[in-house]
ModelCIF file with pLDDT and N, C-alpha, C, O atoms, coordinates in Angstrom:
data_MODEL
#
_entry.id   MODEL 
#
_entity.id                         1 
_entity.type                       polymer 
_entity.pdbx_number_of_molecules   1 
#
_entity_poly.entity_id                      1 
_entity_poly.type                           'polypeptide(L)' 
_entity_poly.nstd_linkage                   no 
_entity_poly.nstd_monomer                   no 
_entity_poly.pdbx_seq_one_letter_code       
;(UNK)(UNK)(UNK)(UNK)(UNK)(UNK)(UNK)(UNK)(UNK)(UNK)(UNK)(UNK)(UNK)(UNK)(UNK)(UNK)
(UNK)(UNK)(UNK)(UNK)(UNK)(UNK)(UNK)(UNK)(UNK)(UNK)(UNK)(UNK)(UNK)(UNK)(UNK)
;
_entity_poly.pdbx_seq_one_letter_code_can   XXXXXXXXXXXXXXXXXXXXXXXXXXXXXXX 
_entity_poly.pdbx_strand_id                 A 
#
loop_
_entity_poly_seq.entity_id 
_entity_poly_seq.num 
_entity_poly_seq.mon_id 
_entity_poly_seq.hetero 
1 1  UNK n 
1 2  UNK n 
1 3  UNK n 
1 4  UNK n 
1 5  UNK n 
1 6  UNK n 
1 7  UNK n 
1 8  UNK n 
1 9  UNK n 
1 10 UNK n 
1 11 UNK n 
1 12 UNK n 
1 13 UNK n 
1 14 UNK n 
1 15 UNK n 
1 16 UNK n 
1 17 UNK n 
1 18 UNK n 
1 19 UNK n 
1 20 UNK n 
1 21 UNK n 
1 22 UNK n 
1 23 UNK n 
1 24 UNK n 
1 25 UNK n 
1 26 UNK n 
1 27 UNK n 
1 28 UNK n 
1 29 UNK n 
1 30 UNK n 
1 31 UNK n 
#
_struct_asym.id          A 
_struct_asym.entity_id   1 
#
loop_
_ma_qa_metric.id 
_ma_qa_metric.mode 
_ma_qa_metric.name 
_ma_qa_metric.software_group_id 
_ma_qa_metric.type 
1 global pLDDT . pLDDT 
2 local  pLDDT . pLDDT 
#
_ma_qa_metric_global.metric_id      1 
_ma_qa_metric_global.metric_value   94.10 
_ma_qa_metric_global.model_id       1 
_ma_qa_metric_global.ordinal_id     1 
#
loop_
_ma_qa_metric_local.label_asym_id 
_ma_qa_metric_local.label_comp_id 
_ma_qa_metric_local.label_seq_id 
_ma_qa_metric_local.metric_id 
_ma_qa_metric_local.metric_value 
_ma_qa_metric_local.model_id 
_ma_qa_metric_local.ordinal_id 
A UNK 1  2 96.00 1 1  
A UNK 2  2 96.00 1 2  
A UNK 3  2 95.00 1 3  
A UNK 4  2 93.00 1 4  
A UNK 5  2 94.00 1 5  
A UNK 6  2 94.00 1 6  
A UNK 7  2 91.00 1 7  
A UNK 8  2 90.00 1 8  
A UNK 9  2 93.00 1 9  
A UNK 10 2 94.00 1 10 
A UNK 11 2 95.00 1 11 
A UNK 12 2 96.00 1 12 
A UNK 13 2 96.00 1 13 
A UNK 14 2 96.00 1 14 
A UNK 15 2 95.00 1 15 
A UNK 16 2 93.00 1 16 
A UNK 17 2 95.00 1 17 
A UNK 18 2 94.00 1 18 
A UNK 19 2 94.00 1 19 
A UNK 20 2 95.00 1 20 
A UNK 21 2 94.00 1 21 
A UNK 22 2 93.00 1 22 
A UNK 23 2 94.00 1 23 
A UNK 24 2 94.00 1 24 
A UNK 25 2 94.00 1 25 
A UNK 26 2 93.00 1 26 
A UNK 27 2 93.00 1 27 
A UNK 28 2 95.00 1 28 
A UNK 29 2 93.00 1 29 
A UNK 30 2 95.00 1 30 
A UNK 31 2 94.00 1 31 
#
loop_
_atom_site.group_PDB 
_atom_site.id 
_atom_site.type_symbol 
_atom_site.label_atom_id 
_atom_site.label_alt_id 
_atom_site.label_comp_id 
_atom_site.label_asym_id 
_atom_site.label_entity_id 
_atom_site.label_seq_id 
_atom_site.pdbx_PDB_ins_code 
_atom_site.Cartn_x 
_atom_site.Cartn_y 
_atom_site.Cartn_z 
_atom_site.occupancy 
_atom_site.B_iso_or_equiv 
_atom_site.pdbx_formal_charge 
_atom_site.auth_seq_id 
_atom_site.auth_comp_id 
_atom_site.auth_asym_id 
_atom_site.auth_atom_id 
_atom_site.pdbx_PDB_model_num 
ATOM 1   N N  . UNK A 1 1  ? 151.679 98.630  17.177 1.00 96.00 ? 1  UNK A N  1 
ATOM 2   C CA . UNK A 1 1  ? 151.645 98.946  18.735 1.00 96.00 ? 1  UNK A CA 1 
ATOM 3   C C  . UNK A 1 1  ? 151.827 97.518  19.405 1.00 96.00 ? 1  UNK A C  1 
ATOM 4   O O  . UNK A 1 1  ? 152.782 97.354  20.165 1.00 96.00 ? 1  UNK A O  1 
ATOM 5   N N  . UNK A 1 2  ? 150.866 96.393  19.128 1.00 96.00 ? 2  UNK A N  1 
ATOM 6   C CA . UNK A 1 2  ? 151.062 95.227  19.672 1.00 96.00 ? 2  UNK A CA 1 
ATOM 7   C C  . UNK A 1 2  ? 152.473 94.459  19.492 1.00 96.00 ? 2  UNK A C  1 
ATOM 8   O O  . UNK A 1 2  ? 152.985 93.817  20.409 1.00 96.00 ? 2  UNK A O  1 
ATOM 9   N N  . UNK A 1 3  ? 153.003 94.587  18.300 1.00 95.00 ? 3  UNK A N  1 
ATOM 10  C CA . UNK A 1 3  ? 154.322 94.092  17.958 1.00 95.00 ? 3  UNK A CA 1 
ATOM 11  C C  . UNK A 1 3  ? 155.512 94.779  18.872 1.00 95.00 ? 3  UNK A C  1 
ATOM 12  O O  . UNK A 1 3  ? 156.390 94.155  19.467 1.00 95.00 ? 3  UNK A O  1 
ATOM 13  N N  . UNK A 1 4  ? 155.340 96.174  18.844 1.00 93.00 ? 4  UNK A N  1 
ATOM 14  C CA . UNK A 1 4  ? 156.312 96.789  19.710 1.00 93.00 ? 4  UNK A CA 1 
ATOM 15  C C  . UNK A 1 4  ? 156.091 96.376  21.285 1.00 93.00 ? 4  UNK A C  1 
ATOM 16  O O  . UNK A 1 4  ? 157.022 95.955  21.972 1.00 93.00 ? 4  UNK A O  1 
ATOM 17  N N  . UNK A 1 5  ? 154.895 96.526  21.726 1.00 94.00 ? 5  UNK A N  1 
ATOM 18  C CA . UNK A 1 5  ? 154.714 96.069  23.185 1.00 94.00 ? 5  UNK A CA 1 
ATOM 19  C C  . UNK A 1 5  ? 155.247 94.850  23.533 1.00 94.00 ? 5  UNK A C  1 
ATOM 20  O O  . UNK A 1 5  ? 155.900 94.716  24.567 1.00 94.00 ? 5  UNK A O  1 
ATOM 21  N N  . UNK A 1 6  ? 154.967 93.686  22.546 1.00 94.00 ? 6  UNK A N  1 
ATOM 22  C CA . UNK A 1 6  ? 155.573 92.496  22.634 1.00 94.00 ? 6  UNK A CA 1 
ATOM 23  C C  . UNK A 1 6  ? 157.019 92.365  22.841 1.00 94.00 ? 6  UNK A C  1 
ATOM 24  O O  . UNK A 1 6  ? 157.546 91.730  23.755 1.00 94.00 ? 6  UNK A O  1 
ATOM 25  N N  . UNK A 1 7  ? 157.689 93.101  21.797 1.00 91.00 ? 7  UNK A N  1 
ATOM 26  C CA . UNK A 1 7  ? 159.110 93.278  21.788 1.00 91.00 ? 7  UNK A CA 1 
ATOM 27  C C  . UNK A 1 7  ? 159.785 93.747  23.006 1.00 91.00 ? 7  UNK A C  1 
ATOM 28  O O  . UNK A 1 7  ? 160.832 93.290  23.464 1.00 91.00 ? 7  UNK A O  1 
ATOM 29  N N  . UNK A 1 8  ? 159.004 94.804  23.534 1.00 90.00 ? 8  UNK A N  1 
ATOM 30  C CA . UNK A 1 8  ? 159.501 95.596  24.628 1.00 90.00 ? 8  UNK A CA 1 
ATOM 31  C C  . UNK A 1 8  ? 159.225 94.771  25.987 1.00 90.00 ? 8  UNK A C  1 
ATOM 32  O O  . UNK A 1 8  ? 159.669 95.195  27.054 1.00 90.00 ? 8  UNK A O  1 
ATOM 33  N N  . UNK A 1 9  ? 158.594 93.765  25.925 1.00 93.00 ? 9  UNK A N  1 
ATOM 34  C CA . UNK A 1 9  ? 158.089 93.043  27.047 1.00 93.00 ? 9  UNK A CA 1 
ATOM 35  C C  . UNK A 1 9  ? 157.120 94.012  27.939 1.00 93.00 ? 9  UNK A C  1 
ATOM 36  O O  . UNK A 1 9  ? 157.231 94.024  29.165 1.00 93.00 ? 9  UNK A O  1 
ATOM 37  N N  . UNK A 1 10 ? 156.242 94.758  27.310 1.00 94.00 ? 10 UNK A N  1 
ATOM 38  C CA . UNK A 1 10 ? 155.465 95.624  28.171 1.00 94.00 ? 10 UNK A CA 1 
ATOM 39  C C  . UNK A 1 10 ? 154.223 94.620  28.788 1.00 94.00 ? 10 UNK A C  1 
ATOM 40  O O  . UNK A 1 10 ? 153.843 93.586  28.238 1.00 94.00 ? 10 UNK A O  1 
ATOM 41  N N  . UNK A 1 11 ? 153.786 95.072  29.822 1.00 95.00 ? 11 UNK A N  1 
ATOM 42  C CA . UNK A 1 11 ? 152.597 94.399  30.548 1.00 95.00 ? 11 UNK A CA 1 
ATOM 43  C C  . UNK A 1 11 ? 151.389 95.009  30.213 1.00 95.00 ? 11 UNK A C  1 
ATOM 44  O O  . UNK A 1 11 ? 150.835 95.780  30.997 1.00 95.00 ? 11 UNK A O  1 
ATOM 45  N N  . UNK A 1 12 ? 150.865 94.693  28.958 1.00 96.00 ? 12 UNK A N  1 
ATOM 46  C CA . UNK A 1 12 ? 149.768 95.402  28.382 1.00 96.00 ? 12 UNK A CA 1 
ATOM 47  C C  . UNK A 1 12 ? 148.857 94.154  27.746 1.00 96.00 ? 12 UNK A C  1 
ATOM 48  O O  . UNK A 1 12 ? 149.441 93.126  27.404 1.00 96.00 ? 12 UNK A O  1 
ATOM 49  N N  . UNK A 1 13 ? 147.609 94.257  27.618 1.00 96.00 ? 13 UNK A N  1 
ATOM 50  C CA . UNK A 1 13 ? 146.859 93.247  26.979 1.00 96.00 ? 13 UNK A CA 1 
ATOM 51  C C  . UNK A 1 13 ? 147.275 93.129  25.400 1.00 96.00 ? 13 UNK A C  1 
ATOM 52  O O  . UNK A 1 13 ? 147.322 91.966  25.000 1.00 96.00 ? 13 UNK A O  1 
ATOM 53  N N  . UNK A 1 14 ? 147.550 94.028  24.547 1.00 96.00 ? 14 UNK A N  1 
ATOM 54  C CA . UNK A 1 14 ? 147.846 93.836  23.138 1.00 96.00 ? 14 UNK A CA 1 
ATOM 55  C C  . UNK A 1 14 ? 149.279 92.859  22.893 1.00 96.00 ? 14 UNK A C  1 
ATOM 56  O O  . UNK A 1 14 ? 149.529 92.181  21.896 1.00 96.00 ? 14 UNK A O  1 
ATOM 57  N N  . UNK A 1 15 ? 149.979 92.995  23.928 1.00 95.00 ? 15 UNK A N  1 
ATOM 58  C CA . UNK A 1 15 ? 151.233 92.033  23.777 1.00 95.00 ? 15 UNK A CA 1 
ATOM 59  C C  . UNK A 1 15 ? 150.838 90.701  23.733 1.00 95.00 ? 15 UNK A C  1 
ATOM 60  O O  . UNK A 1 15 ? 151.406 89.942  22.948 1.00 95.00 ? 15 UNK A O  1 
ATOM 61  N N  . UNK A 1 16 ? 149.805 90.241  24.577 1.00 93.00 ? 16 UNK A N  1 
ATOM 62  C CA . UNK A 1 16 ? 149.520 88.871  24.401 1.00 93.00 ? 16 UNK A CA 1 
ATOM 63  C C  . UNK A 1 16 ? 148.548 88.564  23.363 1.00 93.00 ? 16 UNK A C  1 
ATOM 64  O O  . UNK A 1 16 ? 148.703 87.548  22.685 1.00 93.00 ? 16 UNK A O  1 
ATOM 65  N N  . UNK A 1 17 ? 147.423 89.453  23.147 1.00 95.00 ? 17 UNK A N  1 
ATOM 66  C CA . UNK A 1 17 ? 146.354 89.271  22.162 1.00 95.00 ? 17 UNK A CA 1 
ATOM 67  C C  . UNK A 1 17 ? 146.638 89.677  20.659 1.00 95.00 ? 17 UNK A C  1 
ATOM 68  O O  . UNK A 1 17 ? 146.001 89.274  19.686 1.00 95.00 ? 17 UNK A O  1 
ATOM 69  N N  . UNK A 1 18 ? 147.670 90.516  20.649 1.00 94.00 ? 18 UNK A N  1 
ATOM 70  C CA . UNK A 1 18 ? 147.826 91.149  19.249 1.00 94.00 ? 18 UNK A CA 1 
ATOM 71  C C  . UNK A 1 18 ? 146.822 92.161  18.841 1.00 94.00 ? 18 UNK A C  1 
ATOM 72  O O  . UNK A 1 18 ? 146.846 92.632  17.704 1.00 94.00 ? 18 UNK A O  1 
ATOM 73  N N  . UNK A 1 19 ? 145.947 92.511  19.716 1.00 94.00 ? 19 UNK A N  1 
ATOM 74  C CA . UNK A 1 19 ? 144.840 93.365  19.415 1.00 94.00 ? 19 UNK A CA 1 
ATOM 75  C C  . UNK A 1 19 ? 144.692 94.687  20.363 1.00 94.00 ? 19 UNK A C  1 
ATOM 76  O O  . UNK A 1 19 ? 144.736 94.508  21.580 1.00 94.00 ? 19 UNK A O  1 
ATOM 77  N N  . UNK A 1 20 ? 144.554 95.731  19.957 1.00 95.00 ? 20 UNK A N  1 
ATOM 78  C CA . UNK A 1 20 ? 144.474 97.001  20.856 1.00 95.00 ? 20 UNK A CA 1 
ATOM 79  C C  . UNK A 1 20 ? 142.991 96.872  21.507 1.00 95.00 ? 20 UNK A C  1 
ATOM 80  O O  . UNK A 1 20 ? 141.945 96.669  20.891 1.00 95.00 ? 20 UNK A O  1 
ATOM 81  N N  . UNK A 1 21 ? 143.158 97.038  22.877 1.00 94.00 ? 21 UNK A N  1 
ATOM 82  C CA . UNK A 1 21 ? 141.826 97.272  23.569 1.00 94.00 ? 21 UNK A CA 1 
ATOM 83  C C  . UNK A 1 21 ? 141.799 98.590  24.251 1.00 94.00 ? 21 UNK A C  1 
ATOM 84  O O  . UNK A 1 21 ? 141.094 98.688  25.256 1.00 94.00 ? 21 UNK A O  1 
ATOM 85  N N  . UNK A 1 22 ? 142.437 99.558  23.859 1.00 93.00 ? 22 UNK A N  1 
ATOM 86  C CA . UNK A 1 22 ? 142.515 100.980 24.234 1.00 93.00 ? 22 UNK A CA 1 
ATOM 87  C C  . UNK A 1 22 ? 142.689 100.799 25.783 1.00 93.00 ? 22 UNK A C  1 
ATOM 88  O O  . UNK A 1 22 ? 141.808 101.306 26.478 1.00 93.00 ? 22 UNK A O  1 
ATOM 89  N N  . UNK A 1 23 ? 143.666 100.171 26.381 1.00 94.00 ? 23 UNK A N  1 
ATOM 90  C CA . UNK A 1 23 ? 143.785 99.925  27.661 1.00 94.00 ? 23 UNK A CA 1 
ATOM 91  C C  . UNK A 1 23 ? 144.257 101.156 28.509 1.00 94.00 ? 23 UNK A C  1 
ATOM 92  O O  . UNK A 1 23 ? 144.647 102.188 27.963 1.00 94.00 ? 23 UNK A O  1 
ATOM 93  N N  . UNK A 1 24 ? 144.206 101.008 29.806 1.00 94.00 ? 24 UNK A N  1 
ATOM 94  C CA . UNK A 1 24 ? 144.620 102.165 30.583 1.00 94.00 ? 24 UNK A CA 1 
ATOM 95  C C  . UNK A 1 24 ? 145.884 101.612 31.415 1.00 94.00 ? 24 UNK A C  1 
ATOM 96  O O  . UNK A 1 24 ? 146.178 102.210 32.450 1.00 94.00 ? 24 UNK A O  1 
ATOM 97  N N  . UNK A 1 25 ? 146.613 100.545 31.030 1.00 94.00 ? 25 UNK A N  1 
ATOM 98  C CA . UNK A 1 25 ? 147.666 99.931  31.675 1.00 94.00 ? 25 UNK A CA 1 
ATOM 99  C C  . UNK A 1 25 ? 148.670 100.965 31.974 1.00 94.00 ? 25 UNK A C  1 
ATOM 100 O O  . UNK A 1 25 ? 148.682 101.979 31.275 1.00 94.00 ? 25 UNK A O  1 
ATOM 101 N N  . UNK A 1 26 ? 149.501 100.825 32.919 1.00 93.00 ? 26 UNK A N  1 
ATOM 102 C CA . UNK A 1 26 ? 150.579 101.610 33.392 1.00 93.00 ? 26 UNK A CA 1 
ATOM 103 C C  . UNK A 1 26 ? 151.819 101.547 32.333 1.00 93.00 ? 26 UNK A C  1 
ATOM 104 O O  . UNK A 1 26 ? 152.588 102.491 32.150 1.00 93.00 ? 26 UNK A O  1 
ATOM 105 N N  . UNK A 1 27 ? 151.891 100.367 31.706 1.00 93.00 ? 27 UNK A N  1 
ATOM 106 C CA . UNK A 1 27 ? 152.727 100.060 30.825 1.00 93.00 ? 27 UNK A CA 1 
ATOM 107 C C  . UNK A 1 27 ? 152.428 100.487 29.323 1.00 93.00 ? 27 UNK A C  1 
ATOM 108 O O  . UNK A 1 27 ? 153.179 100.231 28.382 1.00 93.00 ? 27 UNK A O  1 
ATOM 109 N N  . UNK A 1 28 ? 151.251 101.158 29.233 1.00 95.00 ? 28 UNK A N  1 
ATOM 110 C CA . UNK A 1 28 ? 150.739 101.517 27.861 1.00 95.00 ? 28 UNK A CA 1 
ATOM 111 C C  . UNK A 1 28 ? 151.974 102.123 26.951 1.00 95.00 ? 28 UNK A C  1 
ATOM 112 O O  . UNK A 1 28 ? 152.824 102.865 27.444 1.00 95.00 ? 28 UNK A O  1 
ATOM 113 N N  . UNK A 1 29 ? 151.976 101.747 25.658 1.00 93.00 ? 29 UNK A N  1 
ATOM 114 C CA . UNK A 1 29 ? 152.919 102.523 24.806 1.00 93.00 ? 29 UNK A CA 1 
ATOM 115 C C  . UNK A 1 29 ? 152.202 103.368 23.720 1.00 93.00 ? 29 UNK A C  1 
ATOM 116 O O  . UNK A 1 29 ? 152.740 103.841 22.719 1.00 93.00 ? 29 UNK A O  1 
ATOM 117 N N  . UNK A 1 30 ? 150.812 103.488 24.105 1.00 95.00 ? 30 UNK A N  1 
ATOM 118 C CA . UNK A 1 30 ? 149.957 104.257 22.951 1.00 95.00 ? 30 UNK A CA 1 
ATOM 119 C C  . UNK A 1 30 ? 149.361 105.493 23.826 1.00 95.00 ? 30 UNK A C  1 
ATOM 120 O O  . UNK A 1 30 ? 148.148 105.528 24.028 1.00 95.00 ? 30 UNK A O  1 
ATOM 121 N N  . UNK A 1 31 ? 150.076 106.343 24.261 1.00 94.00 ? 31 UNK A N  1 
ATOM 122 C CA . UNK A 1 31 ? 149.846 107.457 25.072 1.00 94.00 ? 31 UNK A CA 1 
ATOM 123 C C  . UNK A 1 31 ? 149.385 108.622 24.227 1.00 94.00 ? 31 UNK A C  1 
ATOM 124 O O  . UNK A 1 31 ? 149.128 109.704 24.756 1.00 94.00 ? 31 UNK A O  1 
#
């Protein structure tokens, strides 16, 4: 998930940190 989020330029915490935070971001790819 973090690698895909980063590759897709998603505005989610894991794209920067590389670790899932179970975020509620609108751009989340883990729905």
